[in-house]
């Protein structure tokens, strides 16, 4: 007994391209799909060979940003080490936690208030 075909579920055993080509041949129509696909693949391959991604121009990091990231990451690592290892005093773990919170606050304070670029940033 056959079950109705569920359009949301594809049968992995069916080759839809081969079936379409067979239908075209049955109707006496030419099947140019293979020629079109190979031409598209060739054009895409040629375009991919010539493509060279541009190097992004990143501004140099300010000293405040470097210290903020250092405090955030170093503070988290120091806090975790103080929690896991018994050889590190607990006050050093608390100092690491304070450094992590200070680094996070400093990073959040450096976020620009308005965007200079009104677009979403995508470039084609």
PDB file of N, CA and C in Angstrom:
ATOM      1  N   UNK A   1       0.846  -1.172   0.000  1.00  0.00           N
ATOM      2  CA  UNK A   1       0.000   0.000   0.000  1.00  0.00           C
ATOM      3  C   UNK A   1       0.890   1.232   0.000  1.00  0.00           C
ATOM      4  N   UNK A   2       0.617   2.163  -0.866  1.00  0.00           N
ATOM      5  CA  UNK A   2       1.448   3.358  -0.959  1.00  0.00           C
ATOM      6  C   UNK A   2       0.895   4.436  -0.046  1.00  0.00           C
ATOM      7  N   UNK A   3       1.801   5.217   0.489  1.00  0.00           N
ATOM      8  CA  UNK A   3       1.398   6.310   1.363  1.00  0.00           C
ATOM      9  C   UNK A   3       1.447   7.607   0.577  1.00  0.00           C
ATOM     10  N   UNK A   4       0.634   8.589   0.958  1.00  0.00           N
ATOM     11  CA  UNK A   4       0.681   9.867   0.233  1.00  0.00           C
ATOM     12  C   UNK A   4       2.039  10.517   0.407  1.00  0.00           C
ATOM     13  N   UNK A   5       2.462  11.218  -0.628  1.00  0.00           N
ATOM     14  CA  UNK A   5       3.778  11.872  -0.624  1.00  0.00           C
ATOM     15  C   UNK A   5       3.725  13.102   0.267  1.00  0.00           C
ATOM     16  N   UNK A   6       4.663  13.195   1.191  1.00  0.00           N
ATOM     17  CA  UNK A   6       4.782  14.358   2.073  1.00  0.00           C
ATOM     18  C   UNK A   6       5.741  15.339   1.418  1.00  0.00           C
ATOM     19  N   UNK A   7       5.268  16.535   0.974  1.00  0.00           N
ATOM     20  CA  UNK A   7       6.168  17.454   0.260  1.00  0.00           C
ATOM     21  C   UNK A   7       7.287  18.005   1.133  1.00  0.00           C
ATOM     22  N   UNK A   8       7.153  17.989   2.443  1.00  0.00           N
ATOM     23  CA  UNK A   8       8.199  18.510   3.320  1.00  0.00           C
ATOM     24  C   UNK A   8       9.339  17.544   3.520  1.00  0.00           C
ATOM     25  N   UNK A   9       9.097  16.253   3.154  1.00  0.00           N
ATOM     26  CA  UNK A   9      10.101  15.226   3.372  1.00  0.00           C
ATOM     27  C   UNK A   9      10.564  14.705   2.029  1.00  0.00           C
ATOM     28  N   UNK A  10      11.849  14.759   1.785  1.00  0.00           N
ATOM     29  CA  UNK A  10      12.393  14.277   0.521  1.00  0.00           C
ATOM     30  C   UNK A  10      12.846  12.838   0.679  1.00  0.00           C
ATOM     31  N   UNK A  11      12.628  12.066  -0.366  1.00  0.00           N
ATOM     32  CA  UNK A  11      13.063  10.684  -0.387  1.00  0.00           C
ATOM     33  C   UNK A  11      14.522  10.645  -0.827  1.00  0.00           C
ATOM     34  N   UNK A  12      15.444  10.160   0.028  1.00  0.00           N
ATOM     35  CA  UNK A  12      16.865  10.194  -0.335  1.00  0.00           C
ATOM     36  C   UNK A  12      17.209   9.245  -1.485  1.00  0.00           C
ATOM     37  N   UNK A  13      16.321   8.286  -1.802  1.00  0.00           N
ATOM     38  CA  UNK A  13      16.623   7.326  -2.851  1.00  0.00           C
ATOM     39  C   UNK A  13      16.243   7.839  -4.236  1.00  0.00           C
ATOM     40  N   UNK A  14      15.445   8.887  -4.352  1.00  0.00           N
ATOM     41  CA  UNK A  14      14.989   9.395  -5.640  1.00  0.00           C
ATOM     42  C   UNK A  14      15.992  10.396  -6.200  1.00  0.00           C
ATOM     43  N   UNK A  15      16.260  10.270  -7.490  1.00  0.00           N
ATOM     44  CA  UNK A  15      17.119  11.217  -8.182  1.00  0.00           C
ATOM     45  C   UNK A  15      16.214  12.102  -9.031  1.00  0.00           C
ATOM     46  N   UNK A  16      15.889  13.264  -8.515  1.00  0.00           N
ATOM     47  CA  UNK A  16      14.926  14.146  -9.163  1.00  0.00           C
ATOM     48  C   UNK A  16      15.448  14.681 -10.501  1.00  0.00           C
ATOM     49  N   UNK A  17      16.728  14.926 -10.600  1.00  0.00           N
ATOM     50  CA  UNK A  17      17.294  15.406 -11.865  1.00  0.00           C
ATOM     51  C   UNK A  17      17.169  14.347 -12.954  1.00  0.00           C
ATOM     52  N   UNK A  18      17.439  13.094 -12.593  1.00  0.00           N
ATOM     53  CA  UNK A  18      17.328  12.023 -13.579  1.00  0.00           C
ATOM     54  C   UNK A  18      15.871  11.837 -14.010  1.00  0.00           C
ATOM     55  N   UNK A  19      14.948  11.941 -13.061  1.00  0.00           N
ATOM     56  CA  UNK A  19      13.532  11.815 -13.401  1.00  0.00           C
ATOM     57  C   UNK A  19      13.087  12.957 -14.314  1.00  0.00           C
ATOM     58  N   UNK A  20      13.550  14.172 -14.037  1.00  0.00           N
ATOM     59  CA  UNK A  20      13.187  15.309 -14.876  1.00  0.00           C
ATOM     60  C   UNK A  20      13.724  15.140 -16.297  1.00  0.00           C
ATOM     61  N   UNK A  21      14.959  14.686 -16.403  1.00  0.00           N
ATOM     62  CA  UNK A  21      15.551  14.446 -17.723  1.00  0.00           C
ATOM     63  C   UNK A  21      14.777  13.360 -18.462  1.00  0.00           C
ATOM     64  N   UNK A  22      14.368  12.302 -17.757  1.00  0.00           N
ATOM     65  CA  UNK A  22      13.596  11.221 -18.374  1.00  0.00           C
ATOM     66  C   UNK A  22      12.248  11.739 -18.873  1.00  0.00           C
ATOM     67  N   UNK A  23      11.591  12.601 -18.109  1.00  0.00           N
ATOM     68  CA  UNK A  23      10.308  13.173 -18.520  1.00  0.00           C
ATOM     69  C   UNK A  23      10.489  14.029 -19.770  1.00  0.00           C
ATOM     70  N   UNK A  24      11.558  14.836 -19.791  1.00  0.00           N
ATOM     71  CA  UNK A  24      11.810  15.663 -20.971  1.00  0.00           C
ATOM     72  C   UNK A  24      12.042  14.802 -22.206  1.00  0.00           C
ATOM     73  N   UNK A  25      12.818  13.729 -22.066  1.00  0.00           N
ATOM     74  CA  UNK A  25      13.094  12.846 -23.194  1.00  0.00           C
ATOM     75  C   UNK A  25      11.821  12.134 -23.658  1.00  0.00           C
ATOM     76  N   UNK A  26      10.950  11.766 -22.721  1.00  0.00           N
ATOM     77  CA  UNK A  26       9.688  11.116 -23.064  1.00  0.00           C
ATOM     78  C   UNK A  26       8.802  12.043 -23.886  1.00  0.00           C
ATOM     79  N   UNK A  27       8.810  13.317 -23.543  1.00  0.00           N
ATOM     80  CA  UNK A  27       8.000  14.309 -24.261  1.00  0.00           C
ATOM     81  C   UNK A  27       8.671  14.783 -25.545  1.00  0.00           C
ATOM     82  N   UNK A  28       9.873  14.350 -25.790  1.00  0.00           N
ATOM     83  CA  UNK A  28      10.584  14.741 -26.998  1.00  0.00           C
ATOM     84  C   UNK A  28      11.210  16.121 -26.912  1.00  0.00           C
ATOM     85  N   UNK A  29      11.421  16.628 -25.713  1.00  0.00           N
ATOM     86  CA  UNK A  29      12.027  17.947 -25.505  1.00  0.00           C
ATOM     87  C   UNK A  29      13.514  17.793 -25.227  1.00  0.00           C
ATOM     88  N   UNK A  30      14.327  18.729 -25.674  1.00  0.00           N
ATOM     89  CA  UNK A  30      15.768  18.620 -25.396  1.00  0.00           C
ATOM     90  C   UNK A  30      16.055  18.919 -23.927  1.00  0.00           C
ATOM     91  N   UNK A  31      17.011  18.217 -23.385  1.00  0.00           N
ATOM     92  CA  UNK A  31      17.409  18.458 -21.991  1.00  0.00           C
ATOM     93  C   UNK A  31      18.751  19.169 -21.992  1.00  0.00           C
ATOM     94  N   UNK A  32      18.709  20.471 -21.849  1.00  0.00           N
ATOM     95  CA  UNK A  32      19.923  21.294 -21.870  1.00  0.00           C
ATOM     96  C   UNK A  32      20.453  21.561 -20.471  1.00  0.00           C
ATOM     97  N   UNK A  33      19.890  20.925 -19.484  1.00  0.00           N
ATOM     98  CA  UNK A  33      20.271  21.205 -18.097  1.00  0.00           C
ATOM     99  C   UNK A  33      21.741  20.895 -17.835  1.00  0.00           C
ATOM    100  N   UNK A  34      22.244  19.813 -18.399  1.00  0.00           N
ATOM    101  CA  UNK A  34      23.637  19.446 -18.138  1.00  0.00           C
ATOM    102  C   UNK A  34      24.595  20.474 -18.711  1.00  0.00           C
ATOM    103  N   UNK A  35      24.288  20.984 -19.931  1.00  0.00           N
ATOM    104  CA  UNK A  35      25.148  21.993 -20.541  1.00  0.00           C
ATOM    105  C   UNK A  35      25.122  23.289 -19.745  1.00  0.00           C
ATOM    106  N   UNK A  36      23.924  23.684 -19.268  1.00  0.00           N
ATOM    107  CA  UNK A  36      23.798  24.918 -18.488  1.00  0.00           C
ATOM    108  C   UNK A  36      24.537  24.789 -17.166  1.00  0.00           C
ATOM    109  N   UNK A  37      24.402  23.639 -16.502  1.00  0.00           N
ATOM    110  CA  UNK A  37      25.067  23.443 -15.214  1.00  0.00           C
ATOM    111  C   UNK A  37      26.581  23.454 -15.361  1.00  0.00           C
ATOM    112  N   UNK A  38      27.098  22.817 -16.412  1.00  0.00           N
ATOM    113  CA  UNK A  38      28.554  22.790 -16.571  1.00  0.00           C
ATOM    114  C   UNK A  38      29.085  24.181 -16.914  1.00  0.00           C
ATOM    115  N   UNK A  39      28.320  24.974 -17.692  1.00  0.00           N
ATOM    116  CA  UNK A  39      28.757  26.335 -18.010  1.00  0.00           C
ATOM    117  C   UNK A  39      28.762  27.202 -16.757  1.00  0.00           C
ATOM    118  N   UNK A  40      27.744  27.028 -15.906  1.00  0.00           N
ATOM    119  CA  UNK A  40      27.692  27.796 -14.655  1.00  0.00           C
ATOM    120  C   UNK A  40      28.841  27.399 -13.734  1.00  0.00           C
ATOM    121  N   UNK A  41      29.131  26.105 -13.647  1.00  0.00           N
ATOM    122  CA  UNK A  41      30.233  25.643 -12.808  1.00  0.00           C
ATOM    123  C   UNK A  41      31.561  26.200 -13.292  1.00  0.00           C
ATOM    124  N   UNK A  42      31.763  26.256 -14.607  1.00  0.00           N
ATOM    125  CA  UNK A  42      33.006  26.785 -15.164  1.00  0.00           C
ATOM    126  C   UNK A  42      33.146  28.267 -14.850  1.00  0.00           C
ATOM    127  N   UNK A  43      32.048  29.022 -15.001  1.00  0.00           N
ATOM    128  CA  UNK A  43      32.100  30.457 -14.701  1.00  0.00           C
ATOM    129  C   UNK A  43      32.385  30.696 -13.226  1.00  0.00           C
ATOM    130  N   UNK A  44      31.752  29.906 -12.348  1.00  0.00           N
ATOM    131  CA  UNK A  44      31.991  30.058 -10.913  1.00  0.00           C
ATOM    132  C   UNK A  44      33.433  29.720 -10.554  1.00  0.00           C
ATOM    133  N   UNK A  45      33.983  28.693 -11.172  1.00  0.00           N
ATOM    134  CA  UNK A  45      35.364  28.304 -10.892  1.00  0.00           C
ATOM    135  C   UNK A  45      36.335  29.382 -11.338  1.00  0.00           C
ATOM    136  N   UNK A  46      36.079  29.974 -12.515  1.00  0.00           N
ATOM    137  CA  UNK A  46      36.959  31.049 -12.989  1.00  0.00           C
ATOM    138  C   UNK A  46      36.862  32.271 -12.092  1.00  0.00           C
ATOM    139  N   UNK A  47      35.651  32.594 -11.637  1.00  0.00           N
ATOM    140  CA  UNK A  47      35.480  33.746 -10.751  1.00  0.00           C
ATOM    141  C   UNK A  47      36.163  33.490  -9.411  1.00  0.00           C
ATOM    142  N   UNK A  48      36.105  32.258  -8.923  1.00  0.00           N
ATOM    143  CA  UNK A  48      36.723  31.941  -7.638  1.00  0.00           C
ATOM    144  C   UNK A  48      38.241  32.004  -7.723  1.00  0.00           C
ATOM    145  N   UNK A  49      38.818  31.651  -8.881  1.00  0.00           N
ATOM    146  CA  UNK A  49      40.271  31.690  -9.026  1.00  0.00           C
ATOM    147  C   UNK A  49      40.806  33.117  -9.004  1.00  0.00           C
ATOM    148  N   UNK A  50      40.062  34.049  -9.571  1.00  0.00           N
ATOM    149  CA  UNK A  50      40.517  35.435  -9.656  1.00  0.00           C
ATOM    150  C   UNK A  50      40.256  36.223  -8.381  1.00  0.00           C
ATOM    151  N   UNK A  51      39.440  35.695  -7.486  1.00  0.00           N
ATOM    152  CA  UNK A  51      39.052  36.447  -6.298  1.00  0.00           C
ATOM    153  C   UNK A  51      40.179  36.459  -5.272  1.00  0.00           C
ATOM    154  N   UNK A  52      40.491  37.647  -4.817  1.00  0.00           N
ATOM    155  CA  UNK A  52      41.467  37.810  -3.749  1.00  0.00           C
ATOM    156  C   UNK A  52      40.811  38.660  -2.673  1.00  0.00           C
ATOM    157  N   UNK A  53      40.566  38.098  -1.482  1.00  0.00           N
ATOM    158  CA  UNK A  53      39.861  38.872  -0.465  1.00  0.00           C
ATOM    159  C   UNK A  53      40.695  40.067  -0.014  1.00  0.00           C
ATOM    160  N   UNK A  54      40.049  41.200   0.194  1.00  0.00           N
ATOM    161  CA  UNK A  54      40.798  42.383   0.613  1.00  0.00           C
ATOM    162  C   UNK A  54      41.218  42.269   2.073  1.00  0.00           C
ATOM    163  N   UNK A  55      42.359  42.859   2.374  1.00  0.00           N
ATOM    164  CA  UNK A  55      42.811  42.901   3.757  1.00  0.00           C
ATOM    165  C   UNK A  55      42.059  44.010   4.473  1.00  0.00           C
ATOM    166  N   UNK A  56      41.463  43.700   5.621  1.00  0.00           N
ATOM    167  CA  UNK A  56      40.727  44.747   6.331  1.00  0.00           C
ATOM    168  C   UNK A  56      41.694  45.757   6.945  1.00  0.00           C
ATOM    169  N   UNK A  57      41.313  47.003   6.890  1.00  0.00           N
ATOM    170  CA  UNK A  57      42.115  48.058   7.499  1.00  0.00           C
ATOM    171  C   UNK A  57      41.602  48.290   8.913  1.00  0.00           C
ATOM    172  N   UNK A  58      42.271  47.681   9.866  1.00  0.00           N
ATOM    173  CA  UNK A  58      41.860  47.807  11.262  1.00  0.00           C
ATOM    174  C   UNK A  58      42.632  48.952  11.909  1.00  0.00           C
ATOM    175  N   UNK A  59      41.949  49.750  12.698  1.00  0.00           N
ATOM    176  CA  UNK A  59      42.662  50.816  13.394  1.00  0.00           C
ATOM    177  C   UNK A  59      43.529  50.212  14.499  1.00  0.00           C
ATOM    178  N   UNK A  60      44.617  50.873  14.846  1.00  0.00           N
ATOM    179  CA  UNK A  60      45.455  50.347  15.922  1.00  0.00           C
ATOM    180  C   UNK A  60      44.713  50.405  17.259  1.00  0.00           C
ATOM    181  N   UNK A  61      44.973  49.425  18.108  1.00  0.00           N
ATOM    182  CA  UNK A  61      44.307  49.363  19.407  1.00  0.00           C
ATOM    183  C   UNK A  61      44.898  50.409  20.344  1.00  0.00           C
ATOM    184  N   UNK A  62      44.030  51.082  21.065  1.00  0.00           N
ATOM    185  CA  UNK A  62      44.502  52.065  22.035  1.00  0.00           C
ATOM    186  C   UNK A  62      44.998  51.343  23.282  1.00  0.00           C
ATOM    187  N   UNK A  63      45.815  52.049  24.055  1.00  0.00           N
ATOM    188  CA  UNK A  63      46.352  51.456  25.287  1.00  0.00           C
ATOM    189  C   UNK A  63      45.236  51.109  26.262  1.00  0.00           C
ATOM    190  N   UNK A  64      44.211  51.935  26.336  1.00  0.00           N
ATOM    191  CA  UNK A  64      43.105  51.685  27.258  1.00  0.00           C
ATOM    192  C   UNK A  64      42.370  50.397  26.889  1.00  0.00           C
ATOM    193  N   UNK A  65      42.187  50.161  25.585  1.00  0.00           N
ATOM    194  CA  UNK A  65      41.502  48.951  25.160  1.00  0.00           C
ATOM    195  C   UNK A  65      42.337  47.707  25.460  1.00  0.00           C
ATOM    196  N   UNK A  66      43.644  47.796  25.253  1.00  0.00           N
ATOM    197  CA  UNK A  66      44.519  46.659  25.537  1.00  0.00           C
ATOM    198  C   UNK A  66      44.493  46.328  27.022  1.00  0.00           C
ATOM    199  N   UNK A  67      44.565  47.331  27.870  1.00  0.00           N
ATOM    200  CA  UNK A  67      44.521  47.093  29.309  1.00  0.00           C
ATOM    201  C   UNK A  67      43.155  46.594  29.765  1.00  0.00           C
ATOM    202  N   UNK A  68      42.088  47.058  29.120  1.00  0.00           N
ATOM    203  CA  UNK A  68      40.751  46.594  29.479  1.00  0.00           C
ATOM    204  C   UNK A  68      40.586  45.113  29.155  1.00  0.00           C
ATOM    205  N   UNK A  69      41.028  44.708  27.963  1.00  0.00           N
ATOM    206  CA  UNK A  69      40.938  43.304  27.601  1.00  0.00           C
ATOM    207  C   UNK A  69      41.843  42.444  28.486  1.00  0.00           C
ATOM    208  N   UNK A  70      43.023  42.971  28.818  1.00  0.00           N
ATOM    209  CA  UNK A  70      43.940  42.235  29.688  1.00  0.00           C
ATOM    210  C   UNK A  70      43.332  42.033  31.067  1.00  0.00           C
ATOM    211  N   UNK A  71      42.707  43.082  31.602  1.00  0.00           N
ATOM    212  CA  UNK A  71      42.077  42.974  32.924  1.00  0.00           C
ATOM    213  C   UNK A  71      40.906  42.004  32.897  1.00  0.00           C
ATOM    214  N   UNK A  72      40.111  42.050  31.837  1.00  0.00           N
ATOM    215  CA  UNK A  72      38.952  41.158  31.765  1.00  0.00           C
ATOM    216  C   UNK A  72      39.385  39.698  31.664  1.00  0.00           C
ATOM    217  N   UNK A  73      40.233  39.393  30.702  1.00  0.00           N
ATOM    218  CA  UNK A  73      40.638  37.997  30.503  1.00  0.00           C
ATOM    219  C   UNK A  73      41.531  37.511  31.643  1.00  0.00           C
ATOM    220  N   UNK A  74      42.503  38.329  32.026  1.00  0.00           N
ATOM    221  CA  UNK A  74      43.390  37.938  33.125  1.00  0.00           C
ATOM    222  C   UNK A  74      42.658  37.789  34.442  1.00  0.00           C
ATOM    223  N   UNK A  75      41.677  38.663  34.689  1.00  0.00           N
ATOM    224  CA  UNK A  75      40.907  38.565  35.924  1.00  0.00           C
ATOM    225  C   UNK A  75      40.078  37.298  35.990  1.00  0.00           C
ATOM    226  N   UNK A  76      39.473  36.933  34.867  1.00  0.00           N
ATOM    227  CA  UNK A  76      38.688  35.699  34.847  1.00  0.00           C
ATOM    228  C   UNK A  76      39.590  34.485  35.065  1.00  0.00           C
ATOM    229  N   UNK A  77      40.748  34.474  34.405  1.00  0.00           N
ATOM    230  CA  UNK A  77      41.680  33.351  34.556  1.00  0.00           C
ATOM    231  C   UNK A  77      42.189  33.279  35.988  1.00  0.00           C
ATOM    232  N   UNK A  78      42.531  34.407  36.570  1.00  0.00           N
ATOM    233  CA  UNK A  78      43.031  34.421  37.950  1.00  0.00           C
ATOM    234  C   UNK A  78      41.957  33.958  38.933  1.00  0.00           C
ATOM    235  N   UNK A  79      40.720  34.370  38.715  1.00  0.00           N
ATOM    236  CA  UNK A  79      39.628  33.939  39.587  1.00  0.00           C
ATOM    237  C   UNK A  79      39.402  32.434  39.483  1.00  0.00           C
ATOM    238  N   UNK A  80      39.433  31.902  38.264  1.00  0.00           N
ATOM    239  CA  UNK A  80      39.260  30.465  38.096  1.00  0.00           C
ATOM    240  C   UNK A  80      40.412  29.679  38.712  1.00  0.00           C
ATOM    241  N   UNK A  81      41.636  30.176  38.545  1.00  0.00           N
ATOM    242  CA  UNK A  81      42.779  29.494  39.152  1.00  0.00           C
ATOM    243  C   UNK A  81      42.694  29.511  40.676  1.00  0.00           C
ATOM    244  N   UNK A  82      42.254  30.628  41.242  1.00  0.00           N
ATOM    245  CA  UNK A  82      42.126  30.717  42.695  1.00  0.00           C
ATOM    246  C   UNK A  82      41.028  29.790  43.208  1.00  0.00           C
ATOM    247  N   UNK A  83      39.992  29.569  42.399  1.00  0.00           N
ATOM    248  CA  UNK A  83      38.917  28.677  42.821  1.00  0.00           C
ATOM    249  C   UNK A  83      39.336  27.208  42.725  1.00  0.00           C
ATOM    250  N   UNK A  84      40.217  26.879  41.780  1.00  0.00           N
ATOM    251  CA  UNK A  84      40.591  25.479  41.559  1.00  0.00           C
ATOM    252  C   UNK A  84      41.814  25.082  42.382  1.00  0.00           C
ATOM    253  N   UNK A  85      42.814  25.956  42.440  1.00  0.00           N
ATOM    254  CA  UNK A  85      44.063  25.623  43.131  1.00  0.00           C
ATOM    255  C   UNK A  85      44.042  26.111  44.573  1.00  0.00           C
ATOM    256  N   UNK A  86      44.531  25.267  45.475  1.00  0.00           N
ATOM    257  CA  UNK A  86      44.603  25.652  46.882  1.00  0.00           C
ATOM    258  C   UNK A  86      45.830  26.502  47.190  1.00  0.00           C
ATOM    259  N   UNK A  87      46.816  26.521  46.291  1.00  0.00           N
ATOM    260  CA  UNK A  87      48.049  27.258  46.547  1.00  0.00           C
ATOM    261  C   UNK A  87      47.895  28.767  46.329  1.00  0.00           C
ATOM    262  N   UNK A  88      46.829  29.198  45.661  1.00  0.00           N
ATOM    263  CA  UNK A  88      46.601  30.626  45.423  1.00  0.00           C
ATOM    264  C   UNK A  88      45.648  31.143  46.509  1.00  0.00           C
ATOM    265  N   UNK A  89      46.017  32.231  47.204  1.00  0.00           N
ATOM    266  CA  UNK A  89      45.148  32.748  48.259  1.00  0.00           C
ATOM    267  C   UNK A  89      43.814  33.262  47.707  1.00  0.00           C
ATOM    268  N   UNK A  90      42.783  33.214  48.546  1.00  0.00           N
ATOM    269  CA  UNK A  90      41.441  33.621  48.104  1.00  0.00           C
ATOM    270  C   UNK A  90      41.380  35.116  47.823  1.00  0.00           C
ATOM    271  N   UNK A  91      42.183  35.929  48.523  1.00  0.00           N
ATOM    272  CA  UNK A  91      42.139  37.368  48.259  1.00  0.00           C
ATOM    273  C   UNK A  91      42.642  37.688  46.853  1.00  0.00           C
ATOM    274  N   UNK A  92      43.551  36.831  46.310  1.00  0.00           N
ATOM    275  CA  UNK A  92      44.026  37.019  44.955  1.00  0.00           C
ATOM    276  C   UNK A  92      42.915  36.684  43.943  1.00  0.00           C
ATOM    277  N   UNK A  93      42.076  35.714  44.296  1.00  0.00           N
ATOM    278  CA  UNK A  93      40.914  35.406  43.461  1.00  0.00           C
ATOM    279  C   UNK A  93      39.912  36.548  43.460  1.00  0.00           C
ATOM    280  N   UNK A  94      39.714  37.163  44.612  1.00  0.00           N
ATOM    281  CA  UNK A  94      38.811  38.312  44.693  1.00  0.00           C
ATOM    282  C   UNK A  94      39.371  39.489  43.902  1.00  0.00           C
ATOM    283  N   UNK A  95      40.680  39.678  43.948  1.00  0.00           N
ATOM    284  CA  UNK A  95      41.320  40.732  43.164  1.00  0.00           C
ATOM    285  C   UNK A  95      41.135  40.468  41.661  1.00  0.00           C
ATOM    286  N   UNK A  96      41.247  39.195  41.250  1.00  0.00           N
ATOM    287  CA  UNK A  96      41.014  38.835  39.859  1.00  0.00           C
ATOM    288  C   UNK A  96      39.573  39.104  39.446  1.00  0.00           C
ATOM    289  N   UNK A  97      38.633  38.820  40.319  1.00  0.00           N
ATOM    290  CA  UNK A  97      37.229  39.109  40.025  1.00  0.00           C
ATOM    291  C   UNK A  97      36.983  40.596  39.868  1.00  0.00           C
ATOM    292  N   UNK A  98      37.606  41.396  40.732  1.00  0.00           N
ATOM    293  CA  UNK A  98      37.463  42.852  40.632  1.00  0.00           C
ATOM    294  C   UNK A  98      38.093  43.364  39.339  1.00  0.00           C
ATOM    295  N   UNK A  99      39.234  42.798  38.957  1.00  0.00           N
ATOM    296  CA  UNK A  99      39.882  43.204  37.706  1.00  0.00           C
ATOM    297  C   UNK A  99      39.006  42.850  36.508  1.00  0.00           C
ATOM    298  N   UNK A 100      38.360  41.687  36.539  1.00  0.00           N
ATOM    299  CA  UNK A 100      37.488  41.280  35.443  1.00  0.00           C
ATOM    300  C   UNK A 100      36.289  42.211  35.325  1.00  0.00           C
ATOM    301  N   UNK A 101      35.695  42.558  36.444  1.00  0.00           N
ATOM    302  CA  UNK A 101      34.555  43.481  36.416  1.00  0.00           C
ATOM    303  C   UNK A 101      34.997  44.865  35.946  1.00  0.00           C
ATOM    304  N   UNK A 102      36.163  45.327  36.406  1.00  0.00           N
ATOM    305  CA  UNK A 102      36.682  46.624  35.967  1.00  0.00           C
ATOM    306  C   UNK A 102      36.986  46.648  34.485  1.00  0.00           C
ATOM    307  N   UNK A 103      37.565  45.573  33.970  1.00  0.00           N
ATOM    308  CA  UNK A 103      37.847  45.485  32.538  1.00  0.00           C
ATOM    309  C   UNK A 103      36.576  45.483  31.711  1.00  0.00           C
ATOM    310  N   UNK A 104      35.554  44.794  32.192  1.00  0.00           N
ATOM    311  CA  UNK A 104      34.276  44.765  31.478  1.00  0.00           C
ATOM    312  C   UNK A 104      33.622  46.143  31.464  1.00  0.00           C
ATOM    313  N   UNK A 105      33.641  46.817  32.584  1.00  0.00           N
ATOM    314  CA  UNK A 105      33.060  48.167  32.652  1.00  0.00           C
ATOM    315  C   UNK A 105      33.823  49.118  31.741  1.00  0.00           C
ATOM    316  N   UNK A 106      35.136  49.002  31.711  1.00  0.00           N
ATOM    317  CA  UNK A 106      35.939  49.865  30.842  1.00  0.00           C
ATOM    318  C   UNK A 106      35.636  49.604  29.365  1.00  0.00           C
ATOM    319  N   UNK A 107      35.492  48.332  28.994  1.00  0.00           N
ATOM    320  CA  UNK A 107      35.153  48.014  27.603  1.00  0.00           C
ATOM    321  C   UNK A 107      33.777  48.539  27.232  1.00  0.00           C
ATOM    322  N   UNK A 108      32.830  48.399  28.133  1.00  0.00           N
ATOM    323  CA  UNK A 108      31.484  48.901  27.862  1.00  0.00           C
ATOM    324  C   UNK A 108      31.463  50.425  27.772  1.00  0.00           C
ATOM    325  N   UNK A 109      32.328  51.088  28.514  1.00  0.00           N
ATOM    326  CA  UNK A 109      32.374  52.554  28.479  1.00  0.00           C
ATOM    327  C   UNK A 109      32.967  53.057  27.159  1.00  0.00           C
ATOM    328  N   UNK A 110      33.766  52.230  26.482  1.00  0.00           N
ATOM    329  CA  UNK A 110      34.382  52.640  25.221  1.00  0.00           C
ATOM    330  C   UNK A 110      33.516  52.368  23.991  1.00  0.00           C
ATOM    331  N   UNK A 111      32.329  51.800  24.187  1.00  0.00           N
ATOM    332  CA  UNK A 111      31.441  51.560  23.051  1.00  0.00           C
ATOM    333  C   UNK A 111      30.938  52.903  22.545  1.00  0.00           C
ATOM    334  N   UNK A 112      30.993  53.132  21.223  1.00  0.00           N
ATOM    335  CA  UNK A 112      30.520  54.420  20.694  1.00  0.00           C
ATOM    336  C   UNK A 112      29.020  54.591  20.936  1.00  0.00           C
ATOM    337  N   UNK A 113      28.628  55.824  21.210  1.00  0.00           N
ATOM    338  CA  UNK A 113      27.219  56.108  21.519  1.00  0.00           C
ATOM    339  C   UNK A 113      26.345  56.083  20.269  1.00  0.00           C
ATOM    340  N   UNK A 114      26.890  56.537  19.119  1.00  0.00           N
ATOM    341  CA  UNK A 114      26.125  56.519  17.883  1.00  0.00           C
ATOM    342  C   UNK A 114      26.976  55.885  16.787  1.00  0.00           C
ATOM    343  N   UNK A 115      26.291  55.383  15.777  1.00  0.00           N
ATOM    344  CA  UNK A 115      26.989  54.755  14.663  1.00  0.00           C
ATOM    345  C   UNK A 115      27.278  55.803  13.605  1.00  0.00           C
ATOM    346  N   UNK A 116      28.509  55.840  13.148  1.00  0.00           N
ATOM    347  CA  UNK A 116      28.869  56.797  12.107  1.00  0.00           C
ATOM    348  C   UNK A 116      28.397  56.322  10.733  1.00  0.00           C
ATOM    349  N   UNK A 117      28.183  55.009  10.589  1.00  0.00           N
ATOM    350  CA  UNK A 117      27.724  54.428   9.327  1.00  0.00           C
ATOM    351  C   UNK A 117      26.259  54.014   9.490  1.00  0.00           C
ATOM    352  N   UNK A 118      25.324  54.698   8.809  1.00  0.00           N
ATOM    353  CA  UNK A 118      23.916  54.381   9.011  1.00  0.00           C
ATOM    354  C   UNK A 118      23.478  53.067   8.350  1.00  0.00           C
ATOM    355  N   UNK A 119      24.310  52.485   7.508  1.00  0.00           N
ATOM    356  CA  UNK A 119      23.944  51.228   6.873  1.00  0.00           C
ATOM    357  C   UNK A 119      24.233  50.066   7.803  1.00  0.00           C
ATOM    358  N   UNK A 120      23.896  48.879   7.369  1.00  0.00           N
ATOM    359  CA  UNK A 120      24.149  47.713   8.193  1.00  0.00           C
ATOM    360  C   UNK A 120      25.580  47.188   8.059  1.00  0.00           C
ATOM    361  N   UNK A 121      26.390  47.828   7.241  1.00  0.00           N
ATOM    362  CA  UNK A 121      27.788  47.471   7.116  1.00  0.00           C
ATOM    363  C   UNK A 121      28.108  46.505   6.004  1.00  0.00           C
ATOM    364  N   UNK A 122      27.098  45.978   5.325  1.00  0.00           N
ATOM    365  CA  UNK A 122      27.346  45.024   4.259  1.00  0.00           C
ATOM    366  C   UNK A 122      27.825  45.756   3.004  1.00  0.00           C
ATOM    367  N   UNK A 123      28.850  45.213   2.378  1.00  0.00           N
ATOM    368  CA  UNK A 123      29.369  45.780   1.140  1.00  0.00           C
ATOM    369  C   UNK A 123      29.441  44.679   0.105  1.00  0.00           C
ATOM    370  N   UNK A 124      28.980  44.981  -1.083  1.00  0.00           N
ATOM    371  CA  UNK A 124      28.999  43.993  -2.159  1.00  0.00           C
ATOM    372  C   UNK A 124      30.041  44.376  -3.174  1.00  0.00           C
TER     373      UNK A 124
END
